[in-house]
Amino acid sequence: MTEVDSWGREPTTHAPSTANLAEILERVLDKGIVIAGDIKIDLLDIELLTIRLRLFISSVETAKKAGIDWWETDPALSSRAAHNALAEENEQLRDRLRELEGDDEDPIGRRELRHR
């Protein structure tokens, strides 16, 4: 006699899966996966809130191939980017100081004395 479930169906048998979790993760990281969705809240046909979600899961190499490398330039995530941002800010301040001084070789003190 064959067993049946509570719905009167015979149980299905599944072939054992040959891919384990590590293989699946390796494939996802190698190829990448994109998950996208929008959440929208309306009240009486008036849009109150829209949230757009985009999730890209991949390895660093796959992300770089896709042109995504924002973590390299974000000072909060990269010490090299933080150093570069600081160096750039210092250079901008030096340029601004040179503009205000008017002449690179004329110190601020002498220039102020000449104008008195």
PDB file of N, CA and C in Angstrom:
ATOM      1  N   MET A   1       0.832  -1.179   0.000  1.00  0.00           N
ATOM      2  CA  MET A   1       0.000   0.000   0.000  1.00  0.00           C
ATOM      3  C   MET A   1       0.885   1.254   0.000  1.00  0.00           C
ATOM      4  N   THR A   2       0.532   2.261  -0.803  1.00  0.00           N
ATOM      5  CA  THR A   2       1.299   3.487  -0.934  1.00  0.00           C
ATOM      6  C   THR A   2       0.823   4.498   0.096  1.00  0.00           C
ATOM      7  N   GLU A   3       1.796   5.195   0.706  1.00  0.00           N
ATOM      8  CA  GLU A   3       1.446   6.237   1.681  1.00  0.00           C
ATOM      9  C   GLU A   3       0.944   7.471   0.953  1.00  0.00           C
ATOM     10  N   VAL A   4       0.011   8.169   1.566  1.00  0.00           N
ATOM     11  CA  VAL A   4      -0.482   9.432   1.029  1.00  0.00           C
ATOM     12  C   VAL A   4      -0.447  10.460   2.141  1.00  0.00           C
ATOM     13  N   ASP A   5      -0.333  11.720   1.742  1.00  0.00           N
ATOM     14  CA  ASP A   5      -0.345  12.778   2.749  1.00  0.00           C
ATOM     15  C   ASP A   5      -1.774  13.152   3.090  1.00  0.00           C
ATOM     16  N   SER A   6      -1.943  14.184   3.903  1.00  0.00           N
ATOM     17  CA  SER A   6      -3.284  14.572   4.350  1.00  0.00           C
ATOM     18  C   SER A   6      -4.160  15.084   3.213  1.00  0.00           C
ATOM     19  N   TRP A   7      -3.563  15.435   2.109  1.00  0.00           N
ATOM     20  CA  TRP A   7      -4.309  15.915   0.938  1.00  0.00           C
ATOM     21  C   TRP A   7      -4.612  14.786  -0.042  1.00  0.00           C
ATOM     22  N   GLY A   8      -4.172  13.573   0.310  1.00  0.00           N
ATOM     23  CA  GLY A   8      -4.414  12.428  -0.558  1.00  0.00           C
ATOM     24  C   GLY A   8      -3.397  12.281  -1.663  1.00  0.00           C
ATOM     25  N   ARG A   9      -2.273  12.977  -1.569  1.00  0.00           N
ATOM     26  CA  ARG A   9      -1.246  12.894  -2.607  1.00  0.00           C
ATOM     27  C   ARG A   9      -0.137  11.965  -2.150  1.00  0.00           C
ATOM     28  N   GLU A  10       0.492  11.344  -3.118  1.00  0.00           N
ATOM     29  CA  GLU A  10       1.655  10.521  -2.808  1.00  0.00           C
ATOM     30  C   GLU A  10       2.856  11.438  -2.591  1.00  0.00           C
ATOM     31  N   PRO A  11       3.693  11.129  -1.601  1.00  0.00           N
ATOM     32  CA  PRO A  11       4.859  11.985  -1.375  1.00  0.00           C
ATOM     33  C   PRO A  11       5.800  11.950  -2.569  1.00  0.00           C
ATOM     34  N   THR A  12       6.385  13.140  -2.873  1.00  0.00           N
ATOM     35  CA  THR A  12       7.331  13.209  -3.984  1.00  0.00           C
ATOM     36  C   THR A  12       8.733  12.984  -3.445  1.00  0.00           C
ATOM     37  N   THR A  13       9.535  12.367  -4.248  1.00  0.00           N
ATOM     38  CA  THR A  13      10.927  12.164  -3.864  1.00  0.00           C
ATOM     39  C   THR A  13      11.782  13.085  -4.704  1.00  0.00           C
ATOM     40  N   HIS A  14      12.759  13.701  -4.055  1.00  0.00           N
ATOM     41  CA  HIS A  14      13.655  14.624  -4.735  1.00  0.00           C
ATOM     42  C   HIS A  14      15.012  13.966  -4.881  1.00  0.00           C
ATOM     43  N   ALA A  15      15.596  14.160  -6.050  1.00  0.00           N
ATOM     44  CA  ALA A  15      16.943  13.637  -6.264  1.00  0.00           C
ATOM     45  C   ALA A  15      17.910  14.435  -5.399  1.00  0.00           C
ATOM     46  N   PRO A  16      18.894  13.807  -4.829  1.00  0.00           N
ATOM     47  CA  PRO A  16      19.839  14.540  -3.986  1.00  0.00           C
ATOM     48  C   PRO A  16      20.571  15.603  -4.803  1.00  0.00           C
ATOM     49  N   SER A  17      20.720  16.772  -4.206  1.00  0.00           N
ATOM     50  CA  SER A  17      21.379  17.886  -4.883  1.00  0.00           C
ATOM     51  C   SER A  17      22.887  17.680  -4.853  1.00  0.00           C
ATOM     52  N   THR A  18      23.520  17.898  -5.995  1.00  0.00           N
ATOM     53  CA  THR A  18      24.968  17.708  -6.067  1.00  0.00           C
ATOM     54  C   THR A  18      25.720  18.981  -5.682  1.00  0.00           C
ATOM     55  N   ALA A  19      25.024  20.125  -5.718  1.00  0.00           N
ATOM     56  CA  ALA A  19      25.684  21.389  -5.384  1.00  0.00           C
ATOM     57  C   ALA A  19      25.497  21.673  -3.893  1.00  0.00           C
ATOM     58  N   ASN A  20      26.587  21.872  -3.207  1.00  0.00           N
ATOM     59  CA  ASN A  20      26.469  22.243  -1.801  1.00  0.00           C
ATOM     60  C   ASN A  20      26.504  23.762  -1.662  1.00  0.00           C
ATOM     61  N   LEU A  21      26.348  24.247  -0.467  1.00  0.00           N
ATOM     62  CA  LEU A  21      26.270  25.681  -0.230  1.00  0.00           C
ATOM     63  C   LEU A  21      27.515  26.427  -0.701  1.00  0.00           C
ATOM     64  N   ALA A  22      28.690  25.851  -0.496  1.00  0.00           N
ATOM     65  CA  ALA A  22      29.930  26.502  -0.920  1.00  0.00           C
ATOM     66  C   ALA A  22      29.975  26.680  -2.432  1.00  0.00           C
ATOM     67  N   GLU A  23      29.515  25.690  -3.175  1.00  0.00           N
ATOM     68  CA  GLU A  23      29.504  25.793  -4.648  1.00  0.00           C
ATOM     69  C   GLU A  23      28.517  26.862  -5.108  1.00  0.00           C
ATOM     70  N   ILE A  24      27.360  26.914  -4.460  1.00  0.00           N
ATOM     71  CA  ILE A  24      26.361  27.922  -4.827  1.00  0.00           C
ATOM     72  C   ILE A  24      26.905  29.320  -4.538  1.00  0.00           C
ATOM     73  N   LEU A  25      27.518  29.496  -3.370  1.00  0.00           N
ATOM     74  CA  LEU A  25      28.103  30.792  -3.013  1.00  0.00           C
ATOM     75  C   LEU A  25      29.204  31.188  -3.988  1.00  0.00           C
ATOM     76  N   GLU A  26      30.024  30.225  -4.375  1.00  0.00           N
ATOM     77  CA  GLU A  26      31.095  30.503  -5.335  1.00  0.00           C
ATOM     78  C   GLU A  26      30.526  30.968  -6.671  1.00  0.00           C
ATOM     79  N   ARG A  27      29.462  30.326  -7.119  1.00  0.00           N
ATOM     80  CA  ARG A  27      28.825  30.728  -8.386  1.00  0.00           C
ATOM     81  C   ARG A  27      28.238  32.127  -8.299  1.00  0.00           C
ATOM     82  N   VAL A  28      27.546  32.408  -7.190  1.00  0.00           N
ATOM     83  CA  VAL A  28      26.939  33.730  -7.024  1.00  0.00           C
ATOM     84  C   VAL A  28      28.015  34.808  -7.001  1.00  0.00           C
ATOM     85  N   LEU A  29      29.092  34.574  -6.250  1.00  0.00           N
ATOM     86  CA  LEU A  29      30.152  35.576  -6.164  1.00  0.00           C
ATOM     87  C   LEU A  29      30.879  35.737  -7.492  1.00  0.00           C
ATOM     88  N   ASP A  30      31.023  34.661  -8.236  1.00  0.00           N
ATOM     89  CA  ASP A  30      31.712  34.719  -9.523  1.00  0.00           C
ATOM     90  C   ASP A  30      30.886  35.468 -10.564  1.00  0.00           C
ATOM     91  N   LYS A  31      29.601  35.197 -10.623  1.00  0.00           N
ATOM     92  CA  LYS A  31      28.742  35.812 -11.639  1.00  0.00           C
ATOM     93  C   LYS A  31      28.091  37.095 -11.140  1.00  0.00           C
ATOM     94  N   GLY A  32      27.782  37.154  -9.855  1.00  0.00           N
ATOM     95  CA  GLY A  32      27.076  38.300  -9.303  1.00  0.00           C
ATOM     96  C   GLY A  32      25.577  38.086  -9.374  1.00  0.00           C
ATOM     97  N   ILE A  33      24.868  38.739  -8.489  1.00  0.00           N
ATOM     98  CA  ILE A  33      23.410  38.657  -8.483  1.00  0.00           C
ATOM     99  C   ILE A  33      22.872  40.036  -8.116  1.00  0.00           C
ATOM    100  N   VAL A  34      21.813  40.439  -8.779  1.00  0.00           N
ATOM    101  CA  VAL A  34      21.202  41.732  -8.520  1.00  0.00           C
ATOM    102  C   VAL A  34      19.800  41.500  -7.985  1.00  0.00           C
ATOM    103  N   ILE A  35      19.497  42.162  -6.882  1.00  0.00           N
ATOM    104  CA  ILE A  35      18.156  42.114  -6.312  1.00  0.00           C
ATOM    105  C   ILE A  35      17.669  43.554  -6.271  1.00  0.00           C
ATOM    106  N   ALA A  36      16.529  43.808  -6.878  1.00  0.00           N
ATOM    107  CA  ALA A  36      16.014  45.175  -6.953  1.00  0.00           C
ATOM    108  C   ALA A  36      14.553  45.189  -6.532  1.00  0.00           C
ATOM    109  N   GLY A  37      14.164  46.262  -5.878  1.00  0.00           N
ATOM    110  CA  GLY A  37      12.767  46.387  -5.477  1.00  0.00           C
ATOM    111  C   GLY A  37      12.455  47.797  -5.058  1.00  0.00           C
ATOM    112  N   ASP A  38      11.189  48.135  -5.105  1.00  0.00           N
ATOM    113  CA  ASP A  38      10.719  49.454  -4.701  1.00  0.00           C
ATOM    114  C   ASP A  38       9.619  49.285  -3.667  1.00  0.00           C
ATOM    115  N   ILE A  39       9.628  50.143  -2.677  1.00  0.00           N
ATOM    116  CA  ILE A  39       8.563  50.197  -1.687  1.00  0.00           C
ATOM    117  C   ILE A  39       7.935  51.575  -1.831  1.00  0.00           C
ATOM    118  N   LYS A  40       6.638  51.596  -2.038  1.00  0.00           N
ATOM    119  CA  LYS A  40       5.959  52.863  -2.271  1.00  0.00           C
ATOM    120  C   LYS A  40       4.761  52.947  -1.335  1.00  0.00           C
ATOM    121  N   ILE A  41       4.633  54.077  -0.653  1.00  0.00           N
ATOM    122  CA  ILE A  41       3.507  54.286   0.245  1.00  0.00           C
ATOM    123  C   ILE A  41       2.713  55.480  -0.276  1.00  0.00           C
ATOM    124  N   ASP A  42       1.445  55.219  -0.601  1.00  0.00           N
ATOM    125  CA  ASP A  42       0.547  56.249  -1.106  1.00  0.00           C
ATOM    126  C   ASP A  42      -0.641  56.388  -0.160  1.00  0.00           C
ATOM    127  N   LEU A  43      -1.151  57.576  -0.064  1.00  0.00           N
ATOM    128  CA  LEU A  43      -2.363  57.829   0.701  1.00  0.00           C
ATOM    129  C   LEU A  43      -3.267  58.690  -0.158  1.00  0.00           C
ATOM    130  N   LEU A  44      -4.420  58.155  -0.512  1.00  0.00           N
ATOM    131  CA  LEU A  44      -5.374  58.860  -1.382  1.00  0.00           C
ATOM    132  C   LEU A  44      -4.709  59.345  -2.667  1.00  0.00           C
ATOM    133  N   ASP A  45      -3.988  58.468  -3.314  1.00  0.00           N
ATOM    134  CA  ASP A  45      -3.277  58.754  -4.564  1.00  0.00           C
ATOM    135  C   ASP A  45      -2.220  59.839  -4.429  1.00  0.00           C
ATOM    136  N   ILE A  46      -1.745  60.075  -3.206  1.00  0.00           N
ATOM    137  CA  ILE A  46      -0.643  61.015  -2.981  1.00  0.00           C
ATOM    138  C   ILE A  46       0.541  60.201  -2.506  1.00  0.00           C
ATOM    139  N   GLU A  47       1.615  60.307  -3.237  1.00  0.00           N
ATOM    140  CA  GLU A  47       2.811  59.545  -2.888  1.00  0.00           C
ATOM    141  C   GLU A  47       3.470  60.163  -1.663  1.00  0.00           C
ATOM    142  N   LEU A  48       3.542  59.372  -0.593  1.00  0.00           N
ATOM    143  CA  LEU A  48       4.153  59.855   0.637  1.00  0.00           C
ATOM    144  C   LEU A  48       5.607  59.460   0.751  1.00  0.00           C
ATOM    145  N   LEU A  49       5.930  58.259   0.303  1.00  0.00           N
ATOM    146  CA  LEU A  49       7.284  57.745   0.486  1.00  0.00           C
ATOM    147  C   LEU A  49       7.596  56.715  -0.579  1.00  0.00           C
ATOM    148  N   THR A  50       8.778  56.817  -1.141  1.00  0.00           N
ATOM    149  CA  THR A  50       9.265  55.806  -2.073  1.00  0.00           C
ATOM    150  C   THR A  50      10.672  55.426  -1.653  1.00  0.00           C
ATOM    151  N   ILE A  51      10.902  54.152  -1.496  1.00  0.00           N
ATOM    152  CA  ILE A  51      12.227  53.640  -1.156  1.00  0.00           C
ATOM    153  C   ILE A  51      12.650  52.702  -2.267  1.00  0.00           C
ATOM    154  N   ARG A  52      13.782  52.986  -2.860  1.00  0.00           N
ATOM    155  CA  ARG A  52      14.312  52.138  -3.929  1.00  0.00           C
ATOM    156  C   ARG A  52      15.466  51.327  -3.366  1.00  0.00           C
ATOM    157  N   LEU A  53      15.363  50.035  -3.474  1.00  0.00           N
ATOM    158  CA  LEU A  53      16.388  49.136  -2.973  1.00  0.00           C
ATOM    159  C   LEU A  53      17.092  48.462  -4.132  1.00  0.00           C
ATOM    160  N   ARG A  54      18.397  48.518  -4.121  1.00  0.00           N
ATOM    161  CA  ARG A  54      19.207  47.829  -5.123  1.00  0.00           C
ATOM    162  C   ARG A  54      20.321  47.113  -4.387  1.00  0.00           C
ATOM    163  N   LEU A  55      20.435  45.822  -4.588  1.00  0.00           N
ATOM    164  CA  LEU A  55      21.436  45.022  -3.907  1.00  0.00           C
ATOM    165  C   LEU A  55      22.209  44.239  -4.952  1.00  0.00           C
ATOM    166  N   PHE A  56      23.508  44.400  -4.954  1.00  0.00           N
ATOM    167  CA  PHE A  56      24.379  43.696  -5.894  1.00  0.00           C
ATOM    168  C   PHE A  56      25.344  42.866  -5.068  1.00  0.00           C
ATOM    169  N   ILE A  57      25.246  41.567  -5.170  1.00  0.00           N
ATOM    170  CA  ILE A  57      26.105  40.662  -4.409  1.00  0.00           C
ATOM    171  C   ILE A  57      27.082  40.018  -5.384  1.00  0.00           C
ATOM    172  N   SER A  58      28.379  40.183  -5.089  1.00  0.00           N
ATOM    173  CA  SER A  58      29.396  39.596  -5.954  1.00  0.00           C
ATOM    174  C   SER A  58      30.731  39.628  -5.241  1.00  0.00           C
ATOM    175  N   SER A  59      31.716  39.063  -5.881  1.00  0.00           N
ATOM    176  CA  SER A  59      33.083  39.182  -5.372  1.00  0.00           C
ATOM    177  C   SER A  59      33.608  40.562  -5.746  1.00  0.00           C
ATOM    178  N   VAL A  60      34.699  40.959  -5.148  1.00  0.00           N
ATOM    179  CA  VAL A  60      35.301  42.255  -5.453  1.00  0.00           C
ATOM    180  C   VAL A  60      35.706  42.306  -6.919  1.00  0.00           C
ATOM    181  N   GLU A  61      36.294  41.225  -7.421  1.00  0.00           N
ATOM    182  CA  GLU A  61      36.728  41.212  -8.824  1.00  0.00           C
ATOM    183  C   GLU A  61      35.550  41.364  -9.777  1.00  0.00           C
ATOM    184  N   THR A  62      34.448  40.669  -9.494  1.00  0.00           N
ATOM    185  CA  THR A  62      33.263  40.773 -10.351  1.00  0.00           C
ATOM    186  C   THR A  62      32.685  42.180 -10.287  1.00  0.00           C
ATOM    187  N   ALA A  63      32.659  42.779  -9.100  1.00  0.00           N
ATOM    188  CA  ALA A  63      32.149  44.144  -8.963  1.00  0.00           C
ATOM    189  C   ALA A  63      33.010  45.120  -9.760  1.00  0.00           C
ATOM    190  N   LYS A  64      34.329  44.955  -9.691  1.00  0.00           N
ATOM    191  CA  LYS A  64      35.223  45.839 -10.450  1.00  0.00           C
ATOM    192  C   LYS A  64      35.007  45.684 -11.947  1.00  0.00           C
ATOM    193  N   LYS A  65      34.780  44.440 -12.396  1.00  0.00           N
ATOM    194  CA  LYS A  65      34.492  44.224 -13.818  1.00  0.00           C
ATOM    195  C   LYS A  65      33.208  44.932 -14.228  1.00  0.00           C
ATOM    196  N   ALA A  66      32.258  45.037 -13.296  1.00  0.00           N
ATOM    197  CA  ALA A  66      30.991  45.717 -13.569  1.00  0.00           C
ATOM    198  C   ALA A  66      31.113  47.229 -13.403  1.00  0.00           C
ATOM    199  N   GLY A  67      32.306  47.710 -13.039  1.00  0.00           N
ATOM    200  CA  GLY A  67      32.527  49.142 -12.901  1.00  0.00           C
ATOM    201  C   GLY A  67      32.126  49.695 -11.542  1.00  0.00           C
ATOM    202  N   ILE A  68      32.010  48.826 -10.557  1.00  0.00           N
ATOM    203  CA  ILE A  68      31.621  49.251  -9.215  1.00  0.00           C
ATOM    204  C   ILE A  68      32.833  49.151  -8.308  1.00  0.00           C
ATOM    205  N   ASP A  69      33.285  50.303  -7.786  1.00  0.00           N
ATOM    206  CA  ASP A  69      34.439  50.296  -6.886  1.00  0.00           C
ATOM    207  C   ASP A  69      34.371  51.460  -5.899  1.00  0.00           C
ATOM    208  N   TRP A  70      33.169  51.838  -5.503  1.00  0.00           N
ATOM    209  CA  TRP A  70      32.972  52.989  -4.625  1.00  0.00           C
ATOM    210  C   TRP A  70      33.670  52.841  -3.277  1.00  0.00           C
ATOM    211  N   TRP A  71      33.879  51.642  -2.814  1.00  0.00           N
ATOM    212  CA  TRP A  71      34.530  51.439  -1.509  1.00  0.00           C
ATOM    213  C   TRP A  71      35.990  51.877  -1.524  1.00  0.00           C
ATOM    214  N   GLU A  72      36.592  51.964  -2.699  1.00  0.00           N
ATOM    215  CA  GLU A  72      37.981  52.391  -2.793  1.00  0.00           C
ATOM    216  C   GLU A  72      38.135  53.895  -2.631  1.00  0.00           C
ATOM    217  N   THR A  73      37.078  54.644  -2.905  1.00  0.00           N
ATOM    218  CA  THR A  73      37.155  56.102  -2.831  1.00  0.00           C
ATOM    219  C   THR A  73      36.372  56.679  -1.657  1.00  0.00           C
ATOM    220  N   ASP A  74      35.760  55.843  -0.853  1.00  0.00           N
ATOM    221  CA  ASP A  74      35.001  56.299   0.314  1.00  0.00           C
ATOM    222  C   ASP A  74      35.935  56.387   1.517  1.00  0.00           C
ATOM    223  N   PRO A  75      36.185  57.596   2.030  1.00  0.00           N
ATOM    224  CA  PRO A  75      37.126  57.747   3.149  1.00  0.00           C
ATOM    225  C   PRO A  75      36.722  56.954   4.399  1.00  0.00           C
ATOM    226  N   ALA A  76      35.442  56.680   4.564  1.00  0.00           N
ATOM    227  CA  ALA A  76      34.993  55.920   5.729  1.00  0.00           C
ATOM    228  C   ALA A  76      35.348  54.442   5.613  1.00  0.00           C
ATOM    229  N   LEU A  77      35.616  53.975   4.394  1.00  0.00           N
ATOM    230  CA  LEU A  77      35.877  52.549   4.186  1.00  0.00           C
ATOM    231  C   LEU A  77      37.308  52.236   3.772  1.00  0.00           C
ATOM    232  N   SER A  78      38.072  53.239   3.366  1.00  0.00           N
ATOM    233  CA  SER A  78      39.410  52.996   2.847  1.00  0.00           C
ATOM    234  C   SER A  78      40.394  53.984   3.455  1.00  0.00           C
ATOM    235  N   SER A  79      41.441  53.467   4.088  1.00  0.00           N
ATOM    236  CA  SER A  79      42.445  54.363   4.669  1.00  0.00           C
ATOM    237  C   SER A  79      43.186  55.121   3.570  1.00  0.00           C
ATOM    238  N   ARG A  80      43.382  54.482   2.417  1.00  0.00           N
ATOM    239  CA  ARG A  80      44.039  55.151   1.298  1.00  0.00           C
ATOM    240  C   ARG A  80      43.174  56.306   0.795  1.00  0.00           C
ATOM    241  N   ALA A  81      41.853  56.069   0.715  1.00  0.00           N
ATOM    242  CA  ALA A  81      40.950  57.127   0.258  1.00  0.00           C
ATOM    243  C   ALA A  81      40.912  58.262   1.268  1.00  0.00           C
ATOM    244  N   ALA A  82      40.948  57.930   2.564  1.00  0.00           N
ATOM    245  CA  ALA A  82      40.948  58.969   3.596  1.00  0.00           C
ATOM    246  C   ALA A  82      42.209  59.813   3.483  1.00  0.00           C
ATOM    247  N   HIS A  83      43.349  59.174   3.255  1.00  0.00           N
ATOM    248  CA  HIS A  83      44.612  59.901   3.101  1.00  0.00           C
ATOM    249  C   HIS A  83      44.564  60.783   1.855  1.00  0.00           C
ATOM    250  N   ASN A  84      44.047  60.236   0.747  1.00  0.00           N
ATOM    251  CA  ASN A  84      43.947  61.008  -0.493  1.00  0.00           C
ATOM    252  C   ASN A  84      43.007  62.198  -0.324  1.00  0.00           C
ATOM    253  N   ALA A  85      41.895  61.997   0.394  1.00  0.00           N
ATOM    254  CA  ALA A  85      40.946  63.091   0.616  1.00  0.00           C
ATOM    255  C   ALA A  85      41.595  64.189   1.441  1.00  0.00           C
ATOM    256  N   LEU A  86      42.359  63.808   2.447  1.00  0.00           N
ATOM    257  CA  LEU A  86      43.044  64.794   3.285  1.00  0.00           C
ATOM    258  C   LEU A  86      44.100  65.554   2.482  1.00  0.00           C
ATOM    259  N   ALA A  87      44.855  64.838   1.668  1.00  0.00           N
ATOM    260  CA  ALA A  87      45.873  65.488   0.839  1.00  0.00           C
ATOM    261  C   ALA A  87      45.226  66.450  -0.159  1.00  0.00           C
ATOM    262  N   GLU A  88      44.102  66.049  -0.723  1.00  0.00           N
ATOM    263  CA  GLU A  88      43.402  66.916  -1.674  1.00  0.00           C
ATOM    264  C   GLU A  88      42.871  68.172  -0.979  1.00  0.00           C
ATOM    265  N   GLU A  89      42.312  67.984   0.219  1.00  0.00           N
ATOM    266  CA  GLU A  89      41.816  69.139   0.967  1.00  0.00           C
ATOM    267  C   GLU A  89      42.953  70.094   1.321  1.00  0.00           C
ATOM    268  N   ASN A  90      44.101  69.555   1.727  1.00  0.00           N
ATOM    269  CA  ASN A  90      45.262  70.391   2.041  1.00  0.00           C
ATOM    270  C   ASN A  90      45.719  71.186   0.822  1.00  0.00           C
ATOM    271  N   GLU A  91      45.735  70.534  -0.333  1.00  0.00           N
ATOM    272  CA  GLU A  91      46.147  71.215  -1.561  1.00  0.00           C
ATOM    273  C   GLU A  91      45.171  72.335  -1.912  1.00  0.00           C
ATOM    274  N   GLN A  92      43.865  72.085  -1.740  1.00  0.00           N
ATOM    275  CA  GLN A  92      42.872  73.126  -2.008  1.00  0.00           C
ATOM    276  C   GLN A  92      43.051  74.305  -1.065  1.00  0.00           C
ATOM    277  N   LEU A  93      43.327  74.020   0.199  1.00  0.00           N
ATOM    278  CA  LEU A  93      43.553  75.104   1.159  1.00  0.00           C
ATOM    279  C   LEU A  93      44.803  75.897   0.824  1.00  0.00           C
ATOM    280  N   ARG A  94      45.856  75.219   0.390  1.00  0.00           N
ATOM    281  CA  ARG A  94      47.077  75.922  -0.010  1.00  0.00           C
ATOM    282  C   ARG A  94      46.814  76.820  -1.217  1.00  0.00           C
ATOM    283  N   ASP A  95      46.059  76.294  -2.207  1.00  0.00           N
ATOM    284  CA  ASP A  95      45.718  77.106  -3.378  1.00  0.00           C
ATOM    285  C   ASP A  95      44.916  78.341  -2.981  1.00  0.00           C
ATOM    286  N   ARG A  96      43.956  78.148  -2.094  1.00  0.00           N
ATOM    287  CA  ARG A  96      43.127  79.273  -1.642  1.00  0.00           C
ATOM    288  C   ARG A  96      43.969  80.306  -0.902  1.00  0.00           C
ATOM    289  N   LEU A  97      44.896  79.841  -0.085  1.00  0.00           N
ATOM    290  CA  LEU A  97      45.791  80.741   0.640  1.00  0.00           C
ATOM    291  C   LEU A  97      46.657  81.537  -0.335  1.00  0.00           C
ATOM    292  N   ARG A  98      47.162  80.873  -1.384  1.00  0.00           N
ATOM    293  CA  ARG A  98      47.953  81.583  -2.396  1.00  0.00           C
ATOM    294  C   ARG A  98      47.109  82.643  -3.102  1.00  0.00           C
ATOM    295  N   GLU A  99      45.833  82.316  -3.369  1.00  0.00           N
ATOM    296  CA  GLU A  99      44.935  83.298  -3.984  1.00  0.00           C
ATOM    297  C   GLU A  99      44.757  84.507  -3.084  1.00  0.00           C
ATOM    298  N   LEU A 100      44.541  84.255  -1.805  1.00  0.00           N
ATOM    299  CA  LEU A 100      44.323  85.349  -0.867  1.00  0.00           C
ATOM    300  C   LEU A 100      45.574  86.198  -0.683  1.00  0.00           C
ATOM    301  N   GLU A 101      46.729  85.554  -0.717  1.00  0.00           N
ATOM    302  CA  GLU A 101      47.986  86.289  -0.572  1.00  0.00           C
ATOM    303  C   GLU A 101      48.279  87.117  -1.809  1.00  0.00           C
ATOM    304  N   GLY A 102      47.840  86.667  -2.944  1.00  0.00           N
ATOM    305  CA  GLY A 102      48.041  87.421  -4.175  1.00  0.00           C
ATOM    306  C   GLY A 102      49.348  87.132  -4.872  1.00  0.00           C
ATOM    307  N   ASP A 103      50.411  86.917  -4.145  1.00  0.00           N
ATOM    308  CA  ASP A 103      51.723  86.672  -4.730  1.00  0.00           C
ATOM    309  C   ASP A 103      52.376  85.558  -3.932  1.00  0.00           C
ATOM    310  N   ASP A 104      52.848  84.533  -4.628  1.00  0.00           N
ATOM    311  CA  ASP A 104      53.435  83.377  -3.945  1.00  0.00           C
ATOM    312  C   ASP A 104      54.662  83.745  -3.128  1.00  0.00           C
ATOM    313  N   GLU A 105      55.445  84.734  -3.589  1.00  0.00           N
ATOM    314  CA  GLU A 105      56.697  85.034  -2.907  1.00  0.00           C
ATOM    315  C   GLU A 105      56.568  86.154  -1.884  1.00  0.00           C
ATOM    316  N   ASP A 106      55.423  86.792  -1.816  1.00  0.00           N
ATOM    317  CA  ASP A 106      55.230  87.898  -0.879  1.00  0.00           C
ATOM    318  C   ASP A 106      54.507  87.376   0.354  1.00  0.00           C
ATOM    319  N   PRO A 107      55.169  87.295   1.487  1.00  0.00           N
ATOM    320  CA  PRO A 107      54.501  86.824   2.696  1.00  0.00           C
ATOM    321  C   PRO A 107      53.337  87.720   3.066  1.00  0.00           C
ATOM    322  N   ILE A 108      52.399  87.179   3.781  1.00  0.00           N
ATOM    323  CA  ILE A 108      51.196  87.921   4.168  1.00  0.00           C
ATOM    324  C   ILE A 108      51.564  89.164   4.966  1.00  0.00           C
ATOM    325  N   GLY A 109      52.491  89.064   5.891  1.00  0.00           N
ATOM    326  CA  GLY A 109      52.870  90.189   6.751  1.00  0.00           C
ATOM    327  C   GLY A 109      53.356  91.391   5.963  1.00  0.00           C
ATOM    328  N   ARG A 110      54.259  91.181   4.995  1.00  0.00           N
ATOM    329  CA  ARG A 110      54.799  92.292   4.203  1.00  0.00           C
ATOM    330  C   ARG A 110      53.715  92.931   3.365  1.00  0.00           C
ATOM    331  N   ARG A 111      52.824  92.144   2.810  1.00  0.00           N
ATOM    332  CA  ARG A 111      51.764  92.665   1.972  1.00  0.00           C
ATOM    333  C   ARG A 111      50.841  93.572   2.783  1.00  0.00           C
ATOM    334  N   GLU A 112      50.519  93.144   4.000  1.00  0.00           N
ATOM    335  CA  GLU A 112      49.653  93.958   4.853  1.00  0.00           C
ATOM    336  C   GLU A 112      50.340  95.274   5.216  1.00  0.00           C
ATOM    337  N   LEU A 113      51.655  95.255   5.468  1.00  0.00           N
ATOM    338  CA  LEU A 113      52.384  96.477   5.828  1.00  0.00           C
ATOM    339  C   LEU A 113      52.387  97.458   4.662  1.00  0.00           C
ATOM    340  N   ARG A 114      52.512  96.962   3.414  1.00  0.00           N
ATOM    341  CA  ARG A 114      52.543  97.832   2.254  1.00  0.00           C
ATOM    342  C   ARG A 114      51.222  98.561   2.065  1.00  0.00           C
ATOM    343  N   HIS A 115      50.104  97.923   2.422  1.00  0.00           N
ATOM    344  CA  HIS A 115      48.807  98.533   2.193  1.00  0.00           C
ATOM    345  C   HIS A 115      48.442  99.545   3.267  1.00  0.00           C
ATOM    346  N   ARG A 116      49.200  99.684   4.334  1.00  0.00           N
ATOM    347  CA  ARG A 116      48.850 100.638   5.402  1.00  0.00           C
ATOM    348  C   ARG A 116      49.269 101.999   5.078  1.00  0.00           C
TER     349      ARG A 116
END
